[in-house]
Every structure is written in C-alpha cells, then in structure tokens.
Amino acid sequence: MPSVESRFASKLARAFNKLAVPCQFIPVNGNPAYSRSVHLPPTDIDRSNEYLQAPILLAEFLRQDGAVNVDDVFELNGKQYRITQLNERDEITVSFVYLEL
C-alpha cells in the first residue's frame, strides 16, 4: 500500500495537471524539445518596489516531468519564453521567473 506522502503527492500532481497547459519545452543543454505541462499563475504588480512597475511572470512545472534550468525555453501559443531565475521549489513543483523572447 502506498504511503500517505506518496498518495498526497500523486493527488497534488493531478491537481496541477488540471490547472496546467501543454507547452513545447526546449532544454538549454541541447536535448531534444518535448511536450510538458506548465502553469502560469496570475501575478500582480509589486507596489512596494517603485522601480519595478511590471508584474513578475512565473512559470510552474512539475518536478516529476524532468529538470528545469535557467535559460531553458518553453513555447506556448506561438510565443517563446526564457526561464531566468528560480523562484520557489517544493517536493512537487518548481517555479521560475520567465521573460518573453
């Protein structure tokens, strides 16, 4: 019988996949591009920083789908985006700041 932690992780992964959309993921290390899910959570402008007047764009990926590194690119709806900085990591997902190319 699976442990409580593995069942919980499985349920969270299924919930993530309901929110996520498929994208074409292009690793920076030269491996071939492949399809994986990405979730783009809504973000707001950080009003506490007067120099940063645009919202920070975050992309969230399931860790079980493979590694995500800085400078990897993902394509969604005909546009390409470059992953620039790690934002947060947990047991299930990893989120990065991204920029449109």
PDB file of N, CA and C in Angstrom:
ATOM      1  N   MET A   1       0.847  -1.182   0.000  1.00  0.00           N
ATOM      2  CA  MET A   1       0.000   0.000   0.000  1.00  0.00           C
ATOM      3  C   MET A   1       0.889   1.242   0.000  1.00  0.00           C
ATOM      4  N   PRO A   2       0.595   2.214  -0.878  1.00  0.00           N
ATOM      5  CA  PRO A   2       1.415   3.432  -0.933  1.00  0.00           C
ATOM      6  C   PRO A   2       1.331   4.228   0.372  1.00  0.00           C
ATOM      7  N   SER A   3       2.396   4.938   0.641  1.00  0.00           N
ATOM      8  CA  SER A   3       2.426   5.754   1.852  1.00  0.00           C
ATOM      9  C   SER A   3       1.503   6.959   1.695  1.00  0.00           C
ATOM     10  N   VAL A   4       1.191   7.574   2.804  1.00  0.00           N
ATOM     11  CA  VAL A   4       0.340   8.765   2.800  1.00  0.00           C
ATOM     12  C   VAL A   4       1.005   9.880   1.995  1.00  0.00           C
ATOM     13  N   GLU A   5       2.324  10.034   2.147  1.00  0.00           N
ATOM     14  CA  GLU A   5       3.034  11.094   1.426  1.00  0.00           C
ATOM     15  C   GLU A   5       2.972  10.892  -0.084  1.00  0.00           C
ATOM     16  N   SER A   6       3.155   9.645  -0.538  1.00  0.00           N
ATOM     17  CA  SER A   6       3.127   9.405  -1.982  1.00  0.00           C
ATOM     18  C   SER A   6       1.718   9.587  -2.546  1.00  0.00           C
ATOM     19  N   ARG A   7       0.682   9.201  -1.793  1.00  0.00           N
ATOM     20  CA  ARG A   7      -0.692   9.430  -2.243  1.00  0.00           C
ATOM     21  C   ARG A   7      -0.997  10.918  -2.312  1.00  0.00           C
ATOM     22  N   PHE A   8      -0.533  11.676  -1.321  1.00  0.00           N
ATOM     23  CA  PHE A   8      -0.736  13.122  -1.307  1.00  0.00           C
ATOM     24  C   PHE A   8      -0.013  13.772  -2.485  1.00  0.00           C
ATOM     25  N   ALA A   9       1.221  13.357  -2.741  1.00  0.00           N
ATOM     26  CA  ALA A   9       1.988  13.897  -3.873  1.00  0.00           C
ATOM     27  C   ALA A   9       1.291  13.579  -5.192  1.00  0.00           C
ATOM     28  N   SER A  10       0.740  12.388  -5.302  1.00  0.00           N
ATOM     29  CA  SER A  10       0.025  11.999  -6.515  1.00  0.00           C
ATOM     30  C   SER A  10      -1.212  12.863  -6.727  1.00  0.00           C
ATOM     31  N   LYS A  11      -1.945  13.135  -5.663  1.00  0.00           N
ATOM     32  CA  LYS A  11      -3.137  13.985  -5.766  1.00  0.00           C
ATOM     33  C   LYS A  11      -2.765  15.413  -6.147  1.00  0.00           C
ATOM     34  N   LEU A  12      -1.684  15.933  -5.577  1.00  0.00           N
ATOM     35  CA  LEU A  12      -1.243  17.283  -5.932  1.00  0.00           C
ATOM     36  C   LEU A  12      -0.798  17.355  -7.387  1.00  0.00           C
ATOM     37  N   ALA A  13      -0.133  16.321  -7.875  1.00  0.00           N
ATOM     38  CA  ALA A  13       0.286  16.292  -9.276  1.00  0.00           C
ATOM     39  C   ALA A  13      -0.932  16.286 -10.199  1.00  0.00           C
ATOM     40  N   ARG A  14      -1.967  15.533  -9.854  1.00  0.00           N
ATOM     41  CA  ARG A  14      -3.186  15.528 -10.664  1.00  0.00           C
ATOM     42  C   ARG A  14      -3.861  16.903 -10.646  1.00  0.00           C
ATOM     43  N   ALA A  15      -3.896  17.547  -9.504  1.00  0.00           N
ATOM     44  CA  ALA A  15      -4.478  18.899  -9.407  1.00  0.00           C
ATOM     45  C   ALA A  15      -3.679  19.886 -10.247  1.00  0.00           C
ATOM     46  N   PHE A  16      -2.356  19.768 -10.209  1.00  0.00           N
ATOM     47  CA  PHE A  16      -1.507  20.646 -11.020  1.00  0.00           C
ATOM     48  C   PHE A  16      -1.842  20.468 -12.499  1.00  0.00           C
ATOM     49  N   ASN A  17      -1.975  19.227 -12.945  1.00  0.00           N
ATOM     50  CA  ASN A  17      -2.250  18.956 -14.361  1.00  0.00           C
ATOM     51  C   ASN A  17      -3.602  19.506 -14.799  1.00  0.00           C
ATOM     52  N   LYS A  18      -4.550  19.659 -13.896  1.00  0.00           N
ATOM     53  CA  LYS A  18      -5.834  20.264 -14.240  1.00  0.00           C
ATOM     54  C   LYS A  18      -5.690  21.760 -14.491  1.00  0.00           C
ATOM     55  N   LEU A  19      -4.749  22.405 -13.797  1.00  0.00           N
ATOM     56  CA  LEU A  19      -4.517  23.844 -13.960  1.00  0.00           C
ATOM     57  C   LEU A  19      -3.558  24.157 -15.104  1.00  0.00           C
ATOM     58  N   ALA A  20      -2.700  23.219 -15.423  1.00  0.00           N
ATOM     59  CA  ALA A  20      -1.615  23.457 -16.380  1.00  0.00           C
ATOM     60  C   ALA A  20      -2.089  23.307 -17.823  1.00  0.00           C
ATOM     61  N   VAL A  21      -1.264  23.833 -18.720  1.00  0.00           N
ATOM     62  CA  VAL A  21      -1.494  23.696 -20.158  1.00  0.00           C
ATOM     63  C   VAL A  21      -0.235  23.087 -20.777  1.00  0.00           C
ATOM     64  N   PRO A  22      -0.384  22.340 -21.868  1.00  0.00           N
ATOM     65  CA  PRO A  22       0.801  21.762 -22.503  1.00  0.00           C
ATOM     66  C   PRO A  22       1.608  22.831 -23.233  1.00  0.00           C
ATOM     67  N   CYS A  23       2.908  22.677 -23.183  1.00  0.00           N
ATOM     68  CA  CYS A  23       3.808  23.582 -23.895  1.00  0.00           C
ATOM     69  C   CYS A  23       4.932  22.758 -24.520  1.00  0.00           C
ATOM     70  N   GLN A  24       5.637  23.355 -25.451  1.00  0.00           N
ATOM     71  CA  GLN A  24       6.832  22.746 -26.035  1.00  0.00           C
ATOM     72  C   GLN A  24       8.007  23.225 -25.200  1.00  0.00           C
ATOM     73  N   PHE A  25       8.728  22.306 -24.563  1.00  0.00           N
ATOM     74  CA  PHE A  25       9.828  22.657 -23.661  1.00  0.00           C
ATOM     75  C   PHE A  25      11.147  22.372 -24.372  1.00  0.00           C
ATOM     76  N   ILE A  26      12.027  23.377 -24.428  1.00  0.00           N
ATOM     77  CA  ILE A  26      13.299  23.273 -25.142  1.00  0.00           C
ATOM     78  C   ILE A  26      14.431  23.437 -24.134  1.00  0.00           C
ATOM     79  N   PRO A  27      15.067  22.328 -23.711  1.00  0.00           N
ATOM     80  CA  PRO A  27      16.149  22.428 -22.728  1.00  0.00           C
ATOM     81  C   PRO A  27      17.376  23.137 -23.298  1.00  0.00           C
ATOM     82  N   VAL A  28      18.062  23.875 -22.451  1.00  0.00           N
ATOM     83  CA  VAL A  28      19.249  24.609 -22.855  1.00  0.00           C
ATOM     84  C   VAL A  28      20.433  23.670 -23.091  1.00  0.00           C
ATOM     85  N   ASN A  29      20.399  22.468 -22.517  1.00  0.00           N
ATOM     86  CA  ASN A  29      21.535  21.553 -22.620  1.00  0.00           C
ATOM     87  C   ASN A  29      21.628  20.847 -23.961  1.00  0.00           C
ATOM     88  N   GLY A  30      20.734  21.138 -24.901  1.00  0.00           N
ATOM     89  CA  GLY A  30      20.807  20.568 -26.233  1.00  0.00           C
ATOM     90  C   GLY A  30      19.973  19.317 -26.430  1.00  0.00           C
ATOM     91  N   ASN A  31      19.331  18.814 -25.378  1.00  0.00           N
ATOM     92  CA  ASN A  31      18.441  17.672 -25.534  1.00  0.00           C
ATOM     93  C   ASN A  31      17.267  18.068 -26.415  1.00  0.00           C
ATOM     94  N   PRO A  32      16.635  17.100 -27.078  1.00  0.00           N
ATOM     95  CA  PRO A  32      15.514  17.439 -27.954  1.00  0.00           C
ATOM     96  C   PRO A  32      14.336  18.043 -27.187  1.00  0.00           C
ATOM     97  N   ALA A  33      13.593  18.880 -27.872  1.00  0.00           N
ATOM     98  CA  ALA A  33      12.407  19.501 -27.284  1.00  0.00           C
ATOM     99  C   ALA A  33      11.352  18.433 -27.037  1.00  0.00           C
ATOM    100  N   TYR A  34      10.524  18.649 -26.030  1.00  0.00           N
ATOM    101  CA  TYR A  34       9.457  17.715 -25.713  1.00  0.00           C
ATOM    102  C   TYR A  34       8.282  18.476 -25.119  1.00  0.00           C
ATOM    103  N   SER A  35       7.145  17.814 -25.063  1.00  0.00           N
ATOM    104  CA  SER A  35       5.928  18.423 -24.525  1.00  0.00           C
ATOM    105  C   SER A  35       5.839  18.161 -23.024  1.00  0.00           C
ATOM    106  N   ARG A  36       5.518  19.206 -22.264  1.00  0.00           N
ATOM    107  CA  ARG A  36       5.293  19.070 -20.826  1.00  0.00           C
ATOM    108  C   ARG A  36       4.294  20.130 -20.406  1.00  0.00           C
ATOM    109  N   SER A  37       3.813  20.026 -19.201  1.00  0.00           N
ATOM    110  CA  SER A  37       2.795  20.946 -18.699  1.00  0.00           C
ATOM    111  C   SER A  37       3.431  22.117 -17.968  1.00  0.00           C
ATOM    112  N   VAL A  38       2.818  23.283 -18.126  1.00  0.00           N
ATOM    113  CA  VAL A  38       3.256  24.484 -17.426  1.00  0.00           C
ATOM    114  C   VAL A  38       2.017  25.180 -16.877  1.00  0.00           C
ATOM    115  N   HIS A  39       2.150  25.731 -15.697  1.00  0.00           N
ATOM    116  CA  HIS A  39       1.083  26.536 -15.101  1.00  0.00           C
ATOM    117  C   HIS A  39       1.629  27.946 -14.941  1.00  0.00           C
ATOM    118  N   LEU A  40       0.907  28.915 -15.440  1.00  0.00           N
ATOM    119  CA  LEU A  40       1.289  30.328 -15.337  1.00  0.00           C
ATOM    120  C   LEU A  40       0.345  31.000 -14.348  1.00  0.00           C
ATOM    121  N   PRO A  41       0.720  31.006 -13.062  1.00  0.00           N
ATOM    122  CA  PRO A  41      -0.182  31.596 -12.068  1.00  0.00           C
ATOM    123  C   PRO A  41      -0.333  33.097 -12.287  1.00  0.00           C
ATOM    124  N   PRO A  42      -1.487  33.641 -11.963  1.00  0.00           N
ATOM    125  CA  PRO A  42      -1.671  35.089 -12.108  1.00  0.00           C
ATOM    126  C   PRO A  42      -0.759  35.843 -11.140  1.00  0.00           C
ATOM    127  N   THR A  43      -0.216  36.944 -11.612  1.00  0.00           N
ATOM    128  CA  THR A  43       0.675  37.751 -10.775  1.00  0.00           C
ATOM    129  C   THR A  43       0.219  39.201 -10.801  1.00  0.00           C
ATOM    130  N   ASP A  44       0.579  39.917  -9.765  1.00  0.00           N
ATOM    131  CA  ASP A  44       0.250  41.333  -9.642  1.00  0.00           C
ATOM    132  C   ASP A  44       1.523  42.160  -9.612  1.00  0.00           C
ATOM    133  N   ILE A  45       1.375  43.437  -9.859  1.00  0.00           N
ATOM    134  CA  ILE A  45       2.492  44.363  -9.735  1.00  0.00           C
ATOM    135  C   ILE A  45       2.847  44.505  -8.260  1.00  0.00           C
ATOM    136  N   ASP A  46       4.126  44.455  -7.951  1.00  0.00           N
ATOM    137  CA  ASP A  46       4.589  44.651  -6.583  1.00  0.00           C
ATOM    138  C   ASP A  46       4.645  46.153  -6.305  1.00  0.00           C
ATOM    139  N   ARG A  47       3.665  46.645  -5.614  1.00  0.00           N
ATOM    140  CA  ARG A  47       3.570  48.084  -5.348  1.00  0.00           C
ATOM    141  C   ARG A  47       4.605  48.565  -4.336  1.00  0.00           C
ATOM    142  N   SER A  48       5.272  47.654  -3.626  1.00  0.00           N
ATOM    143  CA  SER A  48       6.263  48.051  -2.632  1.00  0.00           C
ATOM    144  C   SER A  48       7.594  48.449  -3.274  1.00  0.00           C
ATOM    145  N   ASN A  49       7.772  48.123  -4.558  1.00  0.00           N
ATOM    146  CA  ASN A  49       9.013  48.449  -5.250  1.00  0.00           C
ATOM    147  C   ASN A  49       8.714  49.482  -6.323  1.00  0.00           C
ATOM    148  N   GLU A  50       9.135  50.694  -6.097  1.00  0.00           N
ATOM    149  CA  GLU A  50       8.810  51.777  -7.030  1.00  0.00           C
ATOM    150  C   GLU A  50       9.532  51.658  -8.360  1.00  0.00           C
ATOM    151  N   TYR A  51      10.602  50.850  -8.452  1.00  0.00           N
ATOM    152  CA  TYR A  51      11.376  50.726  -9.684  1.00  0.00           C
ATOM    153  C   TYR A  51      10.893  49.587 -10.567  1.00  0.00           C
ATOM    154  N   LEU A  52      10.107  48.697 -10.027  1.00  0.00           N
ATOM    155  CA  LEU A  52       9.612  47.555 -10.783  1.00  0.00           C
ATOM    156  C   LEU A  52       8.117  47.745 -10.998  1.00  0.00           C
ATOM    157  N   GLN A  53       7.749  48.255 -12.170  1.00  0.00           N
ATOM    158  CA  GLN A  53       6.358  48.599 -12.424  1.00  0.00           C
ATOM    159  C   GLN A  53       5.613  47.546 -13.233  1.00  0.00           C
ATOM    160  N   ALA A  54       6.238  46.409 -13.521  1.00  0.00           N
ATOM    161  CA  ALA A  54       5.576  45.335 -14.247  1.00  0.00           C
ATOM    162  C   ALA A  54       5.459  44.115 -13.342  1.00  0.00           C
ATOM    163  N   PRO A  55       4.423  43.319 -13.533  1.00  0.00           N
ATOM    164  CA  PRO A  55       4.319  42.114 -12.706  1.00  0.00           C
ATOM    165  C   PRO A  55       5.423  41.125 -13.040  1.00  0.00           C
ATOM    166  N   ILE A  56       5.826  40.365 -12.062  1.00  0.00           N
ATOM    167  CA  ILE A  56       6.814  39.305 -12.275  1.00  0.00           C
ATOM    168  C   ILE A  56       6.066  38.111 -12.843  1.00  0.00           C
ATOM    169  N   LEU A  57       6.542  37.579 -13.955  1.00  0.00           N
ATOM    170  CA  LEU A  57       5.890  36.460 -14.615  1.00  0.00           C
ATOM    171  C   LEU A  57       6.492  35.158 -14.107  1.00  0.00           C
ATOM    172  N   LEU A  58       5.636  34.260 -13.602  1.00  0.00           N
ATOM    173  CA  LEU A  58       6.087  32.997 -13.042  1.00  0.00           C
ATOM    174  C   LEU A  58       5.549  31.831 -13.859  1.00  0.00           C
ATOM    175  N   ALA A  59       6.401  30.829 -14.056  1.00  0.00           N
ATOM    176  CA  ALA A  59       6.018  29.578 -14.715  1.00  0.00           C
ATOM    177  C   ALA A  59       6.299  28.451 -13.737  1.00  0.00           C
ATOM    178  N   GLU A  60       5.319  27.573 -13.572  1.00  0.00           N
ATOM    179  CA  GLU A  60       5.437  26.481 -12.618  1.00  0.00           C
ATOM    180  C   GLU A  60       5.411  25.152 -13.377  1.00  0.00           C
ATOM    181  N   PHE A  61       6.344  24.261 -13.023  1.00  0.00           N
ATOM    182  CA  PHE A  61       6.476  22.969 -13.687  1.00  0.00           C
ATOM    183  C   PHE A  61       6.459  21.854 -12.649  1.00  0.00           C
ATOM    184  N   LEU A  62       5.962  20.681 -13.044  1.00  0.00           N
ATOM    185  CA  LEU A  62       6.041  19.502 -12.191  1.00  0.00           C
ATOM    186  C   LEU A  62       7.463  18.974 -12.206  1.00  0.00           C
ATOM    187  N   ARG A  63       8.004  18.678 -11.050  1.00  0.00           N
ATOM    188  CA  ARG A  63       9.376  18.159 -10.972  1.00  0.00           C
ATOM    189  C   ARG A  63       9.482  16.770 -11.567  1.00  0.00           C
ATOM    190  N   GLN A  64       8.409  15.971 -11.478  1.00  0.00           N
ATOM    191  CA  GLN A  64       8.456  14.604 -11.989  1.00  0.00           C
ATOM    192  C   GLN A  64       8.551  14.549 -13.514  1.00  0.00           C
ATOM    193  N   ASP A  65       8.242  15.661 -14.205  1.00  0.00           N
ATOM    194  CA  ASP A  65       8.318  15.699 -15.664  1.00  0.00           C
ATOM    195  C   ASP A  65       9.723  15.959 -16.181  1.00  0.00           C
ATOM    196  N   GLY A  66      10.678  16.217 -15.292  1.00  0.00           N
ATOM    197  CA  GLY A  66      12.056  16.446 -15.708  1.00  0.00           C
ATOM    198  C   GLY A  66      12.620  17.729 -15.131  1.00  0.00           C
ATOM    199  N   ALA A  67      13.910  17.889 -15.316  1.00  0.00           N
ATOM    200  CA  ALA A  67      14.620  19.050 -14.780  1.00  0.00           C
ATOM    201  C   ALA A  67      14.253  20.318 -15.543  1.00  0.00           C
ATOM    202  N   VAL A  68      14.304  21.423 -14.835  1.00  0.00           N
ATOM    203  CA  VAL A  68      14.110  22.752 -15.417  1.00  0.00           C
ATOM    204  C   VAL A  68      15.300  23.582 -14.977  1.00  0.00           C
ATOM    205  N   ASN A  69      15.935  24.263 -15.937  1.00  0.00           N
ATOM    206  CA  ASN A  69      17.130  25.039 -15.642  1.00  0.00           C
ATOM    207  C   ASN A  69      17.001  26.455 -16.179  1.00  0.00           C
ATOM    208  N   VAL A  70      17.786  27.344 -15.625  1.00  0.00           N
ATOM    209  CA  VAL A  70      17.859  28.712 -16.126  1.00  0.00           C
ATOM    210  C   VAL A  70      18.287  28.657 -17.591  1.00  0.00           C
ATOM    211  N   ASP A  71      17.701  29.477 -18.411  1.00  0.00           N
ATOM    212  CA  ASP A  71      17.916  29.597 -19.851  1.00  0.00           C
ATOM    213  C   ASP A  71      17.189  28.548 -20.672  1.00  0.00           C
ATOM    214  N   ASP A  72      16.458  27.610 -20.043  1.00  0.00           N
ATOM    215  CA  ASP A  72      15.571  26.746 -20.813  1.00  0.00           C
ATOM    216  C   ASP A  72      14.496  27.631 -21.438  1.00  0.00           C
ATOM    217  N   VAL A  73      13.905  27.168 -22.516  1.00  0.00           N
ATOM    218  CA  VAL A  73      12.882  27.926 -23.236  1.00  0.00           C
ATOM    219  C   VAL A  73      11.629  27.064 -23.321  1.00  0.00           C
ATOM    220  N   PHE A  74      10.471  27.703 -23.184  1.00  0.00           N
ATOM    221  CA  PHE A  74       9.227  26.993 -23.464  1.00  0.00           C
ATOM    222  C   PHE A  74       8.397  27.819 -24.427  1.00  0.00           C
ATOM    223  N   GLU A  75       7.656  27.120 -25.276  1.00  0.00           N
ATOM    224  CA  GLU A  75       6.836  27.762 -26.293  1.00  0.00           C
ATOM    225  C   GLU A  75       5.375  27.479 -25.985  1.00  0.00           C
ATOM    226  N   LEU A  76       4.597  28.546 -25.978  1.00  0.00           N
ATOM    227  CA  LEU A  76       3.177  28.439 -25.648  1.00  0.00           C
ATOM    228  C   LEU A  76       2.405  29.404 -26.535  1.00  0.00           C
ATOM    229  N   ASN A  77       1.407  28.902 -27.243  1.00  0.00           N
ATOM    230  CA  ASN A  77       0.570  29.731 -28.119  1.00  0.00           C
ATOM    231  C   ASN A  77       1.385  30.512 -29.144  1.00  0.00           C
ATOM    232  N   GLY A  78       2.429  29.899 -29.690  1.00  0.00           N
ATOM    233  CA  GLY A  78       3.237  30.526 -30.726  1.00  0.00           C
ATOM    234  C   GLY A  78       4.275  31.523 -30.232  1.00  0.00           C
ATOM    235  N   LYS A  79       4.388  31.709 -28.920  1.00  0.00           N
ATOM    236  CA  LYS A  79       5.385  32.627 -28.364  1.00  0.00           C
ATOM    237  C   LYS A  79       6.399  31.830 -27.557  1.00  0.00           C
ATOM    238  N   GLN A  80       7.642  32.320 -27.543  1.00  0.00           N
ATOM    239  CA  GLN A  80       8.690  31.665 -26.772  1.00  0.00           C
ATOM    240  C   GLN A  80       9.032  32.489 -25.539  1.00  0.00           C
ATOM    241  N   TYR A  81       9.338  31.757 -24.465  1.00  0.00           N
ATOM    242  CA  TYR A  81       9.667  32.376 -23.188  1.00  0.00           C
ATOM    243  C   TYR A  81      10.926  31.736 -22.627  1.00  0.00           C
ATOM    244  N   ARG A  82      11.815  32.560 -22.073  1.00  0.00           N
ATOM    245  CA  ARG A  82      13.062  32.072 -21.474  1.00  0.00           C
ATOM    246  C   ARG A  82      12.946  32.094 -19.962  1.00  0.00           C
ATOM    247  N   ILE A  83      13.351  30.993 -19.342  1.00  0.00           N
ATOM    248  CA  ILE A  83      13.363  30.877 -17.889  1.00  0.00           C
ATOM    249  C   ILE A  83      14.609  31.583 -17.373  1.00  0.00           C
ATOM    250  N   THR A  84      14.437  32.482 -16.400  1.00  0.00           N
ATOM    251  CA  THR A  84      15.560  33.319 -15.990  1.00  0.00           C
ATOM    252  C   THR A  84      16.041  33.118 -14.560  1.00  0.00           C
ATOM    253  N   GLN A  85      15.149  32.825 -13.625  1.00  0.00           N
ATOM    254  CA  GLN A  85      15.559  32.778 -12.220  1.00  0.00           C
ATOM    255  C   GLN A  85      14.632  31.868 -11.426  1.00  0.00           C
ATOM    256  N   LEU A  86      15.214  31.050 -10.556  1.00  0.00           N
ATOM    257  CA  LEU A  86      14.417  30.188  -9.684  1.00  0.00           C
ATOM    258  C   LEU A  86      13.626  31.053  -8.711  1.00  0.00           C
ATOM    259  N   ASN A  87      12.344  30.752  -8.582  1.00  0.00           N
ATOM    260  CA  ASN A  87      11.507  31.477  -7.641  1.00  0.00           C
ATOM    261  C   ASN A  87      11.222  30.641  -6.402  1.00  0.00           C
ATOM    262  N   GLU A  88      10.770  29.402  -6.604  1.00  0.00           N
ATOM    263  CA  GLU A  88      10.385  28.556  -5.479  1.00  0.00           C
ATOM    264  C   GLU A  88      10.459  27.097  -5.898  1.00  0.00           C
ATOM    265  N   ARG A  89      10.786  26.239  -4.950  1.00  0.00           N
ATOM    266  CA  ARG A  89      10.861  24.800  -5.204  1.00  0.00           C
ATOM    267  C   ARG A  89      10.272  24.069  -4.012  1.00  0.00           C
ATOM    268  N   ASP A  90       9.454  23.054  -4.296  1.00  0.00           N
ATOM    269  CA  ASP A  90       8.957  22.174  -3.242  1.00  0.00           C
ATOM    270  C   ASP A  90       9.064  20.737  -3.741  1.00  0.00           C
ATOM    271  N   GLU A  91       8.451  19.801  -3.032  1.00  0.00           N
ATOM    272  CA  GLU A  91       8.567  18.393  -3.398  1.00  0.00           C
ATOM    273  C   GLU A  91       7.861  18.063  -4.708  1.00  0.00           C
ATOM    274  N   ILE A  92       6.854  18.846  -5.074  1.00  0.00           N
ATOM    275  CA  ILE A  92       6.025  18.548  -6.239  1.00  0.00           C
ATOM    276  C   ILE A  92       6.372  19.411  -7.447  1.00  0.00           C
ATOM    277  N   THR A  93       6.548  20.711  -7.225  1.00  0.00           N
ATOM    278  CA  THR A  93       6.728  21.649  -8.335  1.00  0.00           C
ATOM    279  C   THR A  93       7.974  22.513  -8.154  1.00  0.00           C
ATOM    280  N   VAL A  94       8.305  23.186  -9.243  1.00  0.00           N
ATOM    281  CA  VAL A  94       9.361  24.191  -9.228  1.00  0.00           C
ATOM    282  C   VAL A  94       8.841  25.374 -10.053  1.00  0.00           C
ATOM    283  N   SER A  95       9.059  26.581  -9.548  1.00  0.00           N
ATOM    284  CA  SER A  95       8.608  27.754 -10.293  1.00  0.00           C
ATOM    285  C   SER A  95       9.783  28.673 -10.573  1.00  0.00           C
ATOM    286  N   PHE A  96       9.740  29.270 -11.763  1.00  0.00           N
ATOM    287  CA  PHE A  96      10.791  30.151 -12.231  1.00  0.00           C
ATOM    288  C   PHE A  96      10.189  31.448 -12.748  1.00  0.00           C
ATOM    289  N   VAL A  97      10.953  32.498 -12.694  1.00  0.00           N
ATOM    290  CA  VAL A  97      10.619  33.751 -13.370  1.00  0.00           C
ATOM    291  C   VAL A  97      10.941  33.545 -14.838  1.00  0.00           C
ATOM    292  N   TYR A  98      10.119  34.075 -15.725  1.00  0.00           N
ATOM    293  CA  TYR A  98      10.393  33.945 -17.163  1.00  0.00           C
ATOM    294  C   TYR A  98      10.173  35.287 -17.859  1.00  0.00           C
ATOM    295  N   LEU A  99      10.781  35.386 -19.048  1.00  0.00           N
ATOM    296  CA  LEU A  99      10.650  36.569 -19.897  1.00  0.00           C
ATOM    297  C   LEU A  99      10.223  36.157 -21.285  1.00  0.00           C
ATOM    298  N   GLU A 100       9.424  36.972 -21.939  1.00  0.00           N
ATOM    299  CA  GLU A 100       9.036  36.695 -23.318  1.00  0.00           C
ATOM    300  C   GLU A 100      10.193  37.063 -24.240  1.00  0.00           C
ATOM    301  N   LEU A 101      10.455  36.191 -25.217  1.00  0.00           N
ATOM    302  CA  LEU A 101      11.530  36.466 -26.193  1.00  0.00           C
ATOM    303  C   LEU A 101      11.014  37.276 -27.348  1.00  0.00           C
TER     304      LEU A 101
END
